[in-house]
Amino acid sequence: MTTVLTGNQIIKARYLALLSAMELEAKGIGISKGIDALAITKKEFNWNGSRQEIIEKLQTVIDSMPNTP
């Protein structure tokens, strides 16, 4: 079975990956040798704040996105 993501689903999948990466980084598990997910998210959305605040803001953005393509 093949799943194809289109439109909004691609963006939502990326944000979910960033959210998961930030949660792992908060536990001390690094998934990248380069820039961390928190820095990527802060730069992309131009947000400031603690890791927990950024995670909550990103979760709100993800929840507000429709699941339709």
PDB file of N, CA and C in Angstrom:
ATOM      1  N   MET A   1       0.846  -1.175   0.000  1.00  0.00           N
ATOM      2  CA  MET A   1       0.000   0.000   0.000  1.00  0.00           C
ATOM      3  C   MET A   1       0.889   1.234   0.000  1.00  0.00           C
ATOM      4  N   THR A   2       0.556   2.184  -0.839  1.00  0.00           N
ATOM      5  CA  THR A   2       1.326   3.412  -0.963  1.00  0.00           C
ATOM      6  C   THR A   2       0.498   4.596  -0.473  1.00  0.00           C
ATOM      7  N   THR A   3       1.128   5.443   0.315  1.00  0.00           N
ATOM      8  CA  THR A   3       0.470   6.649   0.789  1.00  0.00           C
ATOM      9  C   THR A   3       1.143   7.844   0.131  1.00  0.00           C
ATOM     10  N   VAL A   4       0.355   8.696  -0.486  1.00  0.00           N
ATOM     11  CA  VAL A   4       0.880   9.879  -1.149  1.00  0.00           C
ATOM     12  C   VAL A   4       0.394  11.102  -0.393  1.00  0.00           C
ATOM     13  N   LEU A   5       1.344  11.924   0.021  1.00  0.00           N
ATOM     14  CA  LEU A   5       1.008  13.171   0.697  1.00  0.00           C
ATOM     15  C   LEU A   5       1.017  14.293  -0.326  1.00  0.00           C
ATOM     16  N   THR A   6       0.030  15.161  -0.243  1.00  0.00           N
ATOM     17  CA  THR A   6      -0.044  16.288  -1.164  1.00  0.00           C
ATOM     18  C   THR A   6      -0.415  17.549  -0.402  1.00  0.00           C
ATOM     19  N   GLY A   7      -0.065  18.675  -0.978  1.00  0.00           N
ATOM     20  CA  GLY A   7      -0.480  19.971  -0.450  1.00  0.00           C
ATOM     21  C   GLY A   7      -0.200  20.176   1.024  1.00  0.00           C
ATOM     22  N   ASN A   8      -1.248  20.432   1.780  1.00  0.00           N
ATOM     23  CA  ASN A   8      -1.167  20.704   3.214  1.00  0.00           C
ATOM     24  C   ASN A   8      -0.578  19.548   3.998  1.00  0.00           C
ATOM     25  N   GLN A   9      -0.783  18.334   3.525  1.00  0.00           N
ATOM     26  CA  GLN A   9      -0.303  17.162   4.244  1.00  0.00           C
ATOM     27  C   GLN A   9       1.226  17.134   4.319  1.00  0.00           C
ATOM     28  N   ILE A  10       1.898  17.630   3.277  1.00  0.00           N
ATOM     29  CA  ILE A  10       3.360  17.661   3.270  1.00  0.00           C
ATOM     30  C   ILE A  10       3.863  18.605   4.350  1.00  0.00           C
ATOM     31  N   ILE A  11       3.280  19.775   4.420  1.00  0.00           N
ATOM     32  CA  ILE A  11       3.669  20.764   5.422  1.00  0.00           C
ATOM     33  C   ILE A  11       3.380  20.244   6.823  1.00  0.00           C
ATOM     34  N   LYS A  12       2.207  19.650   6.998  1.00  0.00           N
ATOM     35  CA  LYS A  12       1.835  19.120   8.310  1.00  0.00           C
ATOM     36  C   LYS A  12       2.782  17.998   8.732  1.00  0.00           C
ATOM     37  N   ALA A  13       3.175  17.144   7.808  1.00  0.00           N
ATOM     38  CA  ALA A  13       4.110  16.057   8.118  1.00  0.00           C
ATOM     39  C   ALA A  13       5.458  16.615   8.543  1.00  0.00           C
ATOM     40  N   ARG A  14       5.899  17.679   7.906  1.00  0.00           N
ATOM     41  CA  ARG A  14       7.165  18.318   8.276  1.00  0.00           C
ATOM     42  C   ARG A  14       7.080  18.893   9.682  1.00  0.00           C
ATOM     43  N   TYR A  15       5.994  19.578   9.979  1.00  0.00           N
ATOM     44  CA  TYR A  15       5.828  20.157  11.314  1.00  0.00           C
ATOM     45  C   TYR A  15       5.750  19.065  12.381  1.00  0.00           C
ATOM     46  N   LEU A  16       5.099  17.945  12.060  1.00  0.00           N
ATOM     47  CA  LEU A  16       5.044  16.823  13.006  1.00  0.00           C
ATOM     48  C   LEU A  16       6.445  16.250  13.244  1.00  0.00           C
ATOM     49  N   ALA A  17       7.260  16.189  12.189  1.00  0.00           N
ATOM     50  CA  ALA A  17       8.633  15.701  12.339  1.00  0.00           C
ATOM     51  C   ALA A  17       9.452  16.647  13.217  1.00  0.00           C
ATOM     52  N   LEU A  18       9.281  17.964  13.011  1.00  0.00           N
ATOM     53  CA  LEU A  18       9.971  18.940  13.847  1.00  0.00           C
ATOM     54  C   LEU A  18       9.537  18.826  15.303  1.00  0.00           C
ATOM     55  N   LEU A  19       8.240  18.647  15.522  1.00  0.00           N
ATOM     56  CA  LEU A  19       7.712  18.517  16.875  1.00  0.00           C
ATOM     57  C   LEU A  19       8.300  17.280  17.558  1.00  0.00           C
ATOM     58  N   SER A  20       8.312  16.161  16.867  1.00  0.00           N
ATOM     59  CA  SER A  20       8.874  14.936  17.432  1.00  0.00           C
ATOM     60  C   SER A  20      10.365  15.091  17.726  1.00  0.00           C
ATOM     61  N   ALA A  21      11.076  15.755  16.824  1.00  0.00           N
ATOM     62  CA  ALA A  21      12.509  15.973  17.024  1.00  0.00           C
ATOM     63  C   ALA A  21      12.769  16.853  18.247  1.00  0.00           C
ATOM     64  N   MET A  22      11.957  17.894  18.422  1.00  0.00           N
ATOM     65  CA  MET A  22      12.120  18.762  19.600  1.00  0.00           C
ATOM     66  C   MET A  22      11.845  18.006  20.887  1.00  0.00           C
ATOM     67  N   GLU A  23      10.847  17.144  20.878  1.00  0.00           N
ATOM     68  CA  GLU A  23      10.535  16.360  22.072  1.00  0.00           C
ATOM     69  C   GLU A  23      11.672  15.395  22.406  1.00  0.00           C
ATOM     70  N   LEU A  24      12.296  14.798  21.384  1.00  0.00           N
ATOM     71  CA  LEU A  24      13.439  13.921  21.617  1.00  0.00           C
ATOM     72  C   LEU A  24      14.644  14.714  22.121  1.00  0.00           C
ATOM     73  N   GLU A  25      14.871  15.889  21.533  1.00  0.00           N
ATOM     74  CA  GLU A  25      15.983  16.727  21.971  1.00  0.00           C
ATOM     75  C   GLU A  25      15.803  17.164  23.417  1.00  0.00           C
ATOM     76  N   ALA A  26      14.571  17.385  23.838  1.00  0.00           N
ATOM     77  CA  ALA A  26      14.295  17.769  25.222  1.00  0.00           C
ATOM     78  C   ALA A  26      14.683  16.641  26.184  1.00  0.00           C
ATOM     79  N   LYS A  27      14.637  15.408  25.705  1.00  0.00           N
ATOM     80  CA  LYS A  27      15.014  14.250  26.525  1.00  0.00           C
ATOM     81  C   LYS A  27      16.504  13.947  26.417  1.00  0.00           C
ATOM     82  N   GLY A  28      17.222  14.724  25.612  1.00  0.00           N
ATOM     83  CA  GLY A  28      18.657  14.526  25.480  1.00  0.00           C
ATOM     84  C   GLY A  28      19.085  13.666  24.320  1.00  0.00           C
ATOM     85  N   ILE A  29      18.161  13.351  23.442  1.00  0.00           N
ATOM     86  CA  ILE A  29      18.476  12.513  22.285  1.00  0.00           C
ATOM     87  C   ILE A  29      18.577  13.418  21.058  1.00  0.00           C
ATOM     88  N   GLY A  30      19.779  13.593  20.558  1.00  0.00           N
ATOM     89  CA  GLY A  30      19.979  14.410  19.369  1.00  0.00           C
ATOM     90  C   GLY A  30      19.763  13.580  18.125  1.00  0.00           C
ATOM     91  N   ILE A  31      19.042  14.128  17.161  1.00  0.00           N
ATOM     92  CA  ILE A  31      18.797  13.372  15.932  1.00  0.00           C
ATOM     93  C   ILE A  31      19.580  13.920  14.750  1.00  0.00           C
ATOM     94  N   SER A  32      20.299  15.020  14.967  1.00  0.00           N
ATOM     95  CA  SER A  32      21.027  15.637  13.875  1.00  0.00           C
ATOM     96  C   SER A  32      22.371  16.137  14.380  1.00  0.00           C
ATOM     97  N   LYS A  33      23.359  16.114  13.522  1.00  0.00           N
ATOM     98  CA  LYS A  33      24.663  16.665  13.889  1.00  0.00           C
ATOM     99  C   LYS A  33      24.739  18.145  13.548  1.00  0.00           C
ATOM    100  N   GLY A  34      23.774  18.630  12.817  1.00  0.00           N
ATOM    101  CA  GLY A  34      23.743  20.033  12.431  1.00  0.00           C
ATOM    102  C   GLY A  34      22.877  20.846  13.379  1.00  0.00           C
ATOM    103  N   ILE A  35      22.135  21.745  12.833  1.00  0.00           N
ATOM    104  CA  ILE A  35      21.263  22.631  13.601  1.00  0.00           C
ATOM    105  C   ILE A  35      20.107  21.817  14.193  1.00  0.00           C
ATOM    106  N   ASP A  36      19.719  22.148  15.415  1.00  0.00           N
ATOM    107  CA  ASP A  36      18.672  21.357  16.071  1.00  0.00           C
ATOM    108  C   ASP A  36      17.274  21.826  15.651  1.00  0.00           C
ATOM    109  N   ALA A  37      16.289  21.003  15.935  1.00  0.00           N
ATOM    110  CA  ALA A  37      14.908  21.259  15.509  1.00  0.00           C
ATOM    111  C   ALA A  37      14.347  22.527  16.150  1.00  0.00           C
ATOM    112  N   LEU A  38      14.749  22.822  17.377  1.00  0.00           N
ATOM    113  CA  LEU A  38      14.275  24.027  18.047  1.00  0.00           C
ATOM    114  C   LEU A  38      14.726  25.272  17.290  1.00  0.00           C
ATOM    115  N   ALA A  39      15.990  25.304  16.892  1.00  0.00           N
ATOM    116  CA  ALA A  39      16.517  26.447  16.148  1.00  0.00           C
ATOM    117  C   ALA A  39      15.832  26.585  14.788  1.00  0.00           C
ATOM    118  N   ILE A  40      15.581  25.471  14.123  1.00  0.00           N
ATOM    119  CA  ILE A  40      14.889  25.502  12.828  1.00  0.00           C
ATOM    120  C   ILE A  40      13.492  26.096  12.989  1.00  0.00           C
ATOM    121  N   THR A  41      12.771  25.642  14.011  1.00  0.00           N
ATOM    122  CA  THR A  41      11.405  26.107  14.235  1.00  0.00           C
ATOM    123  C   THR A  41      11.382  27.575  14.614  1.00  0.00           C
ATOM    124  N   LYS A  42      12.273  27.980  15.511  1.00  0.00           N
ATOM    125  CA  LYS A  42      12.331  29.389  15.913  1.00  0.00           C
ATOM    126  C   LYS A  42      12.622  30.296  14.717  1.00  0.00           C
ATOM    127  N   LYS A  43      13.542  29.871  13.865  1.00  0.00           N
ATOM    128  CA  LYS A  43      13.907  30.675  12.701  1.00  0.00           C
ATOM    129  C   LYS A  43      12.756  30.732  11.686  1.00  0.00           C
ATOM    130  N   GLU A  44      12.129  29.592  11.439  1.00  0.00           N
ATOM    131  CA  GLU A  44      11.066  29.529  10.437  1.00  0.00           C
ATOM    132  C   GLU A  44       9.846  30.371  10.823  1.00  0.00           C
ATOM    133  N   PHE A  45       9.466  30.319  12.101  1.00  0.00           N
ATOM    134  CA  PHE A  45       8.280  31.031  12.551  1.00  0.00           C
ATOM    135  C   PHE A  45       8.611  32.376  13.198  1.00  0.00           C
ATOM    136  N   ASN A  46       9.904  32.677  13.355  1.00  0.00           N
ATOM    137  CA  ASN A  46      10.349  33.905  14.011  1.00  0.00           C
ATOM    138  C   ASN A  46       9.783  33.994  15.429  1.00  0.00           C
ATOM    139  N   TRP A  47       9.878  32.892  16.147  1.00  0.00           N
ATOM    140  CA  TRP A  47       9.383  32.801  17.524  1.00  0.00           C
ATOM    141  C   TRP A  47      10.535  32.916  18.501  1.00  0.00           C
ATOM    142  N   ASN A  48      10.225  33.387  19.712  1.00  0.00           N
ATOM    143  CA  ASN A  48      11.164  33.400  20.826  1.00  0.00           C
ATOM    144  C   ASN A  48      10.519  32.681  21.986  1.00  0.00           C
ATOM    145  N   GLY A  49      11.335  32.155  22.885  1.00  0.00           N
ATOM    146  CA  GLY A  49      10.794  31.505  24.066  1.00  0.00           C
ATOM    147  C   GLY A  49      11.530  30.226  24.379  1.00  0.00           C
ATOM    148  N   SER A  50      11.068  29.569  25.415  1.00  0.00           N
ATOM    149  CA  SER A  50      11.688  28.322  25.852  1.00  0.00           C
ATOM    150  C   SER A  50      11.263  27.172  24.942  1.00  0.00           C
ATOM    151  N   ARG A  51      11.944  26.049  25.102  1.00  0.00           N
ATOM    152  CA  ARG A  51      11.628  24.870  24.306  1.00  0.00           C
ATOM    153  C   ARG A  51      10.170  24.466  24.500  1.00  0.00           C
ATOM    154  N   GLN A  52       9.694  24.469  25.744  1.00  0.00           N
ATOM    155  CA  GLN A  52       8.317  24.061  26.021  1.00  0.00           C
ATOM    156  C   GLN A  52       7.315  25.010  25.371  1.00  0.00           C
ATOM    157  N   GLU A  53       7.586  26.314  25.409  1.00  0.00           N
ATOM    158  CA  GLU A  53       6.683  27.282  24.770  1.00  0.00           C
ATOM    159  C   GLU A  53       6.625  27.073  23.261  1.00  0.00           C
ATOM    160  N   ILE A  54       7.771  26.804  22.652  1.00  0.00           N
ATOM    161  CA  ILE A  54       7.830  26.584  21.204  1.00  0.00           C
ATOM    162  C   ILE A  54       7.098  25.293  20.838  1.00  0.00           C
ATOM    163  N   ILE A  55       7.267  24.248  21.642  1.00  0.00           N
ATOM    164  CA  ILE A  55       6.558  22.989  21.399  1.00  0.00           C
ATOM    165  C   ILE A  55       5.050  23.218  21.462  1.00  0.00           C
ATOM    166  N   GLU A  56       4.582  23.972  22.451  1.00  0.00           N
ATOM    167  CA  GLU A  56       3.147  24.247  22.583  1.00  0.00           C
ATOM    168  C   GLU A  56       2.624  25.068  21.411  1.00  0.00           C
ATOM    169  N   LYS A  57       3.390  26.077  20.981  1.00  0.00           N
ATOM    170  CA  LYS A  57       2.975  26.899  19.832  1.00  0.00           C
ATOM    171  C   LYS A  57       2.889  26.059  18.560  1.00  0.00           C
ATOM    172  N   LEU A  58       3.900  25.207  18.341  1.00  0.00           N
ATOM    173  CA  LEU A  58       3.902  24.371  17.135  1.00  0.00           C
ATOM    174  C   LEU A  58       2.751  23.372  17.170  1.00  0.00           C
ATOM    175  N   GLN A  59       2.462  22.823  18.341  1.00  0.00           N
ATOM    176  CA  GLN A  59       1.335  21.896  18.466  1.00  0.00           C
ATOM    177  C   GLN A  59       0.025  22.600  18.116  1.00  0.00           C
ATOM    178  N   THR A  60      -0.121  23.860  18.526  1.00  0.00           N
ATOM    179  CA  THR A  60      -1.311  24.647  18.195  1.00  0.00           C
ATOM    180  C   THR A  60      -1.423  24.851  16.685  1.00  0.00           C
ATOM    181  N   VAL A  61      -0.302  25.142  16.047  1.00  0.00           N
ATOM    182  CA  VAL A  61      -0.294  25.319  14.588  1.00  0.00           C
ATOM    183  C   VAL A  61      -0.703  24.021  13.903  1.00  0.00           C
ATOM    184  N   ILE A  62      -0.138  22.905  14.346  1.00  0.00           N
ATOM    185  CA  ILE A  62      -0.456  21.605  13.746  1.00  0.00           C
ATOM    186  C   ILE A  62      -1.937  21.274  13.932  1.00  0.00           C
ATOM    187  N   ASP A  63      -2.459  21.513  15.137  1.00  0.00           N
ATOM    188  CA  ASP A  63      -3.868  21.212  15.410  1.00  0.00           C
ATOM    189  C   ASP A  63      -4.819  22.069  14.580  1.00  0.00           C
ATOM    190  N   SER A  64      -4.384  23.275  14.214  1.00  0.00           N
ATOM    191  CA  SER A  64      -5.259  24.167  13.457  1.00  0.00           C
ATOM    192  C   SER A  64      -5.233  23.874  11.955  1.00  0.00           C
ATOM    193  N   MET A  65      -4.302  23.042  11.512  1.00  0.00           N
ATOM    194  CA  MET A  65      -4.201  22.732  10.074  1.00  0.00           C
ATOM    195  C   MET A  65      -5.217  21.653   9.704  1.00  0.00           C
ATOM    196  N   PRO A  66      -5.865  21.817   8.555  1.00  0.00           N
ATOM    197  CA  PRO A  66      -6.807  20.775   8.110  1.00  0.00           C
ATOM    198  C   PRO A  66      -6.051  19.539   7.627  1.00  0.00           C
ATOM    199  N   ASN A  67      -6.707  18.394   7.699  1.00  0.00           N
ATOM    200  CA  ASN A  67      -6.107  17.136   7.252  1.00  0.00           C
ATOM    201  C   ASN A  67      -6.309  16.876   5.771  1.00  0.00           C
ATOM    202  N   THR A  68      -6.986  17.758   5.107  1.00  0.00           N
ATOM    203  CA  THR A  68      -7.286  17.552   3.685  1.00  0.00           C
ATOM    204  C   THR A  68      -6.113  17.974   2.824  1.00  0.00           C
ATOM    205  N   PRO A  69      -5.984  17.386   1.647  1.00  0.00           N
ATOM    206  CA  PRO A  69      -4.879  17.747   0.735  1.00  0.00           C
ATOM    207  C   PRO A  69      -4.977  19.149   0.193  1.00  0.00           C
TER     208      PRO A  69
END
